[in-house]
Amino acid sequence: MFDQGPLKSLNEGNSVEVTITNEVGSQTVAFLQVPDSLSGDDPGTTVNL
C-alpha cells in the first residue's frame, strides 16, 4: 500500500483520481469531480458525485 499522507477535503470544482489495487495487483482507476455548486434545494441535502 502506498500512503500519500492524510486525506484532504474536496471543495467545489475539485477533482481526484483514485487508484484501487486488489491483493493480486490488479488496478482500477476512478475519477471523481465535485460539482461546481454543492448547494442543494434544502440545507443538509446530499450531493451525489
PDB file of N, CA and C in Angstrom:
ATOM      1  N   MET A   1       0.847  -1.188   0.000  1.00  0.00           N
ATOM      2  CA  MET A   1       0.000   0.000   0.000  1.00  0.00           C
ATOM      3  C   MET A   1       0.882   1.237   0.000  1.00  0.00           C
ATOM      4  N   PHE A   2       0.519   2.189  -0.802  1.00  0.00           N
ATOM      5  CA  PHE A   2       1.263   3.448  -0.910  1.00  0.00           C
ATOM      6  C   PHE A   2       0.442   4.538  -0.254  1.00  0.00           C
ATOM      7  N   ASP A   3       0.958   5.109   0.809  1.00  0.00           N
ATOM      8  CA  ASP A   3       0.238   6.128   1.559  1.00  0.00           C
ATOM      9  C   ASP A   3       0.774   7.501   1.185  1.00  0.00           C
ATOM     10  N   GLN A   4      -0.104   8.391   0.727  1.00  0.00           N
ATOM     11  CA  GLN A   4       0.312   9.737   0.356  1.00  0.00           C
ATOM     12  C   GLN A   4       0.001  10.754   1.432  1.00  0.00           C
ATOM     13  N   GLY A   5      -0.198  10.292   2.657  1.00  0.00           N
ATOM     14  CA  GLY A   5      -0.449  11.211   3.748  1.00  0.00           C
ATOM     15  C   GLY A   5      -1.917  11.331   4.067  1.00  0.00           C
ATOM     16  N   PRO A   6      -2.258  12.277   4.941  1.00  0.00           N
ATOM     17  CA  PRO A   6      -3.652  12.417   5.373  1.00  0.00           C
ATOM     18  C   PRO A   6      -4.563  12.868   4.233  1.00  0.00           C
ATOM     19  N   LEU A   7      -5.803  12.422   4.298  1.00  0.00           N
ATOM     20  CA  LEU A   7      -6.792  12.826   3.294  1.00  0.00           C
ATOM     21  C   LEU A   7      -7.175  14.277   3.501  1.00  0.00           C
ATOM     22  N   LYS A   8      -7.430  14.969   2.410  1.00  0.00           N
ATOM     23  CA  LYS A   8      -7.862  16.358   2.465  1.00  0.00           C
ATOM     24  C   LYS A   8      -9.280  16.434   1.905  1.00  0.00           C
ATOM     25  N   SER A   9     -10.051  17.371   2.402  1.00  0.00           N
ATOM     26  CA  SER A   9     -11.418  17.521   1.900  1.00  0.00           C
ATOM     27  C   SER A   9     -11.383  18.118   0.499  1.00  0.00           C
ATOM     28  N   LEU A  10     -12.405  17.790  -0.272  1.00  0.00           N
ATOM     29  CA  LEU A  10     -12.539  18.329  -1.621  1.00  0.00           C
ATOM     30  C   LEU A  10     -13.523  19.479  -1.590  1.00  0.00           C
ATOM     31  N   ASN A  11     -13.207  20.517  -2.312  1.00  0.00           N
ATOM     32  CA  ASN A  11     -14.073  21.690  -2.404  1.00  0.00           C
ATOM     33  C   ASN A  11     -14.775  21.712  -3.748  1.00  0.00           C
ATOM     34  N   GLU A  12     -15.695  22.637  -3.902  1.00  0.00           N
ATOM     35  CA  GLU A  12     -16.431  22.780  -5.154  1.00  0.00           C
ATOM     36  C   GLU A  12     -15.473  22.871  -6.337  1.00  0.00           C
ATOM     37  N   GLY A  13     -15.739  22.084  -7.397  1.00  0.00           N
ATOM     38  CA  GLY A  13     -14.947  22.115  -8.614  1.00  0.00           C
ATOM     39  C   GLY A  13     -13.672  21.293  -8.579  1.00  0.00           C
ATOM     40  N   ASN A  14     -13.290  20.734  -7.414  1.00  0.00           N
ATOM     41  CA  ASN A  14     -12.082  19.912  -7.320  1.00  0.00           C
ATOM     42  C   ASN A  14     -12.321  18.548  -7.955  1.00  0.00           C
ATOM     43  N   SER A  15     -11.230  17.891  -8.341  1.00  0.00           N
ATOM     44  CA  SER A  15     -11.323  16.523  -8.841  1.00  0.00           C
ATOM     45  C   SER A  15     -10.232  15.689  -8.189  1.00  0.00           C
ATOM     46  N   VAL A  16     -10.430  14.385  -8.230  1.00  0.00           N
ATOM     47  CA  VAL A  16      -9.475  13.474  -7.620  1.00  0.00           C
ATOM     48  C   VAL A  16      -9.429  12.191  -8.449  1.00  0.00           C
ATOM     49  N   GLU A  17      -8.258  11.581  -8.509  1.00  0.00           N
ATOM     50  CA  GLU A  17      -8.076  10.284  -9.148  1.00  0.00           C
ATOM     51  C   GLU A  17      -7.803   9.272  -8.044  1.00  0.00           C
ATOM     52  N   VAL A  18      -8.584   8.200  -8.013  1.00  0.00           N
ATOM     53  CA  VAL A  18      -8.439   7.163  -7.004  1.00  0.00           C
ATOM     54  C   VAL A  18      -8.022   5.878  -7.705  1.00  0.00           C
ATOM     55  N   THR A  19      -6.913   5.279  -7.256  1.00  0.00           N
ATOM     56  CA  THR A  19      -6.470   4.004  -7.791  1.00  0.00           C
ATOM     57  C   THR A  19      -6.707   2.930  -6.735  1.00  0.00           C
ATOM     58  N   ILE A  20      -7.487   1.922  -7.085  1.00  0.00           N
ATOM     59  CA  ILE A  20      -7.791   0.818  -6.187  1.00  0.00           C
ATOM     60  C   ILE A  20      -7.010  -0.391  -6.668  1.00  0.00           C
ATOM     61  N   THR A  21      -6.192  -0.960  -5.777  1.00  0.00           N
ATOM     62  CA  THR A  21      -5.384  -2.127  -6.116  1.00  0.00           C
ATOM     63  C   THR A  21      -5.818  -3.297  -5.246  1.00  0.00           C
ATOM     64  N   ASN A  22      -6.157  -4.432  -5.872  1.00  0.00           N
ATOM     65  CA  ASN A  22      -6.546  -5.588  -5.080  1.00  0.00           C
ATOM     66  C   ASN A  22      -5.308  -6.389  -4.677  1.00  0.00           C
ATOM     67  N   GLU A  23      -5.517  -7.463  -3.924  1.00  0.00           N
ATOM     68  CA  GLU A  23      -4.395  -8.212  -3.354  1.00  0.00           C
ATOM     69  C   GLU A  23      -3.518  -8.917  -4.386  1.00  0.00           C
ATOM     70  N   VAL A  24      -4.009  -9.152  -5.606  1.00  0.00           N
ATOM     71  CA  VAL A  24      -3.182  -9.786  -6.636  1.00  0.00           C
ATOM     72  C   VAL A  24      -2.544  -8.761  -7.572  1.00  0.00           C
ATOM     73  N   GLY A  25      -2.789  -7.472  -7.313  1.00  0.00           N
ATOM     74  CA  GLY A  25      -2.129  -6.414  -8.069  1.00  0.00           C
ATOM     75  C   GLY A  25      -2.934  -5.789  -9.189  1.00  0.00           C
ATOM     76  N   SER A  26      -4.147  -6.271  -9.446  1.00  0.00           N
ATOM     77  CA  SER A  26      -4.981  -5.648 -10.474  1.00  0.00           C
ATOM     78  C   SER A  26      -5.423  -4.272  -9.986  1.00  0.00           C
ATOM     79  N   GLN A  27      -5.483  -3.321 -10.912  1.00  0.00           N
ATOM     80  CA  GLN A  27      -5.836  -1.959 -10.532  1.00  0.00           C
ATOM     81  C   GLN A  27      -7.044  -1.455 -11.304  1.00  0.00           C
ATOM     82  N   THR A  28      -7.816  -0.628 -10.629  1.00  0.00           N
ATOM     83  CA  THR A  28      -8.928   0.091 -11.230  1.00  0.00           C
ATOM     84  C   THR A  28      -8.756   1.558 -10.871  1.00  0.00           C
ATOM     85  N   VAL A  29      -8.928   2.426 -11.845  1.00  0.00           N
ATOM     86  CA  VAL A  29      -8.788   3.862 -11.605  1.00  0.00           C
ATOM     87  C   VAL A  29     -10.164   4.511 -11.735  1.00  0.00           C
ATOM     88  N   ALA A  30     -10.497   5.355 -10.770  1.00  0.00           N
ATOM     89  CA  ALA A  30     -11.758   6.089 -10.794  1.00  0.00           C
ATOM     90  C   ALA A  30     -11.452   7.583 -10.707  1.00  0.00           C
ATOM     91  N   PHE A  31     -12.151   8.376 -11.486  1.00  0.00           N
ATOM     92  CA  PHE A  31     -12.010   9.825 -11.456  1.00  0.00           C
ATOM     93  C   PHE A  31     -13.300  10.415 -10.890  1.00  0.00           C
ATOM     94  N   LEU A  32     -13.165  11.239  -9.866  1.00  0.00           N
ATOM     95  CA  LEU A  32     -14.318  11.879  -9.242  1.00  0.00           C
ATOM     96  C   LEU A  32     -14.159  13.386  -9.325  1.00  0.00           C
ATOM     97  N   GLN A  33     -15.244  14.079  -9.601  1.00  0.00           N
ATOM     98  CA  GLN A  33     -15.213  15.536  -9.637  1.00  0.00           C
ATOM     99  C   GLN A  33     -16.363  16.081  -8.797  1.00  0.00           C
ATOM    100  N   VAL A  34     -16.029  17.020  -7.921  1.00  0.00           N
ATOM    101  CA  VAL A  34     -17.035  17.659  -7.085  1.00  0.00           C
ATOM    102  C   VAL A  34     -17.777  18.680  -7.952  1.00  0.00           C
ATOM    103  N   PRO A  35     -19.110  18.716  -7.870  1.00  0.00           N
ATOM    104  CA  PRO A  35     -19.866  19.705  -8.652  1.00  0.00           C
ATOM    105  C   PRO A  35     -19.414  21.128  -8.334  1.00  0.00           C
ATOM    106  N   ASP A  36     -19.611  22.031  -9.297  1.00  0.00           N
ATOM    107  CA  ASP A  36     -19.242  23.436  -9.099  1.00  0.00           C
ATOM    108  C   ASP A  36     -20.053  24.085  -7.984  1.00  0.00           C
ATOM    109  N   SER A  37     -21.236  23.559  -7.736  1.00  0.00           N
ATOM    110  CA  SER A  37     -22.060  24.078  -6.650  1.00  0.00           C
ATOM    111  C   SER A  37     -22.492  22.925  -5.765  1.00  0.00           C
ATOM    112  N   LEU A  38     -22.213  23.044  -4.488  1.00  0.00           N
ATOM    113  CA  LEU A  38     -22.603  21.999  -3.544  1.00  0.00           C
ATOM    114  C   LEU A  38     -23.899  22.334  -2.824  1.00  0.00           C
ATOM    115  N   SER A  39     -24.543  23.410  -3.216  1.00  0.00           N
ATOM    116  CA  SER A  39     -25.788  23.769  -2.540  1.00  0.00           C
ATOM    117  C   SER A  39     -26.937  22.958  -3.125  1.00  0.00           C
ATOM    118  N   GLY A  40     -27.755  22.411  -2.235  1.00  0.00           N
ATOM    119  CA  GLY A  40     -28.919  21.659  -2.653  1.00  0.00           C
ATOM    120  C   GLY A  40     -30.171  22.494  -2.510  1.00  0.00           C
ATOM    121  N   ASP A  41     -31.300  21.872  -2.715  1.00  0.00           N
ATOM    122  CA  ASP A  41     -32.576  22.575  -2.582  1.00  0.00           C
ATOM    123  C   ASP A  41     -32.836  22.994  -1.143  1.00  0.00           C
ATOM    124  N   ASP A  42     -32.436  22.157  -0.205  1.00  0.00           N
ATOM    125  CA  ASP A  42     -32.656  22.418   1.216  1.00  0.00           C
ATOM    126  C   ASP A  42     -31.335  22.249   1.964  1.00  0.00           C
ATOM    127  N   PRO A  43     -31.142  22.971   3.072  1.00  0.00           N
ATOM    128  CA  PRO A  43     -29.937  22.774   3.878  1.00  0.00           C
ATOM    129  C   PRO A  43     -29.824  21.311   4.310  1.00  0.00           C
ATOM    130  N   GLY A  44     -28.621  20.762   4.216  1.00  0.00           N
ATOM    131  CA  GLY A  44     -28.391  19.369   4.608  1.00  0.00           C
ATOM    132  C   GLY A  44     -28.677  18.380   3.491  1.00  0.00           C
ATOM    133  N   THR A  45     -29.004  18.865   2.294  1.00  0.00           N
ATOM    134  CA  THR A  45     -29.274  17.997   1.161  1.00  0.00           C
ATOM    135  C   THR A  45     -27.998  17.277   0.730  1.00  0.00           C
ATOM    136  N   THR A  46     -28.102  16.002   0.420  1.00  0.00           N
ATOM    137  CA  THR A  46     -26.961  15.222  -0.056  1.00  0.00           C
ATOM    138  C   THR A  46     -26.688  15.567  -1.515  1.00  0.00           C
ATOM    139  N   VAL A  47     -25.403  15.718  -1.854  1.00  0.00           N
ATOM    140  CA  VAL A  47     -24.991  15.974  -3.240  1.00  0.00           C
ATOM    141  C   VAL A  47     -24.247  14.750  -3.728  1.00  0.00           C
ATOM    142  N   ASN A  48     -24.748  14.110  -4.786  1.00  0.00           N
ATOM    143  CA  ASN A  48     -24.105  12.905  -5.340  1.00  0.00           C
ATOM    144  C   ASN A  48     -22.949  13.291  -6.244  1.00  0.00           C
ATOM    145  N   LEU A  49     -21.855  12.541  -6.141  1.00  0.00           N
ATOM    146  CA  LEU A  49     -20.699  12.758  -7.018  1.00  0.00           C
ATOM    147  C   LEU A  49     -20.766  11.812  -8.175  1.00  0.00           C
TER     148      LEU A  49
END
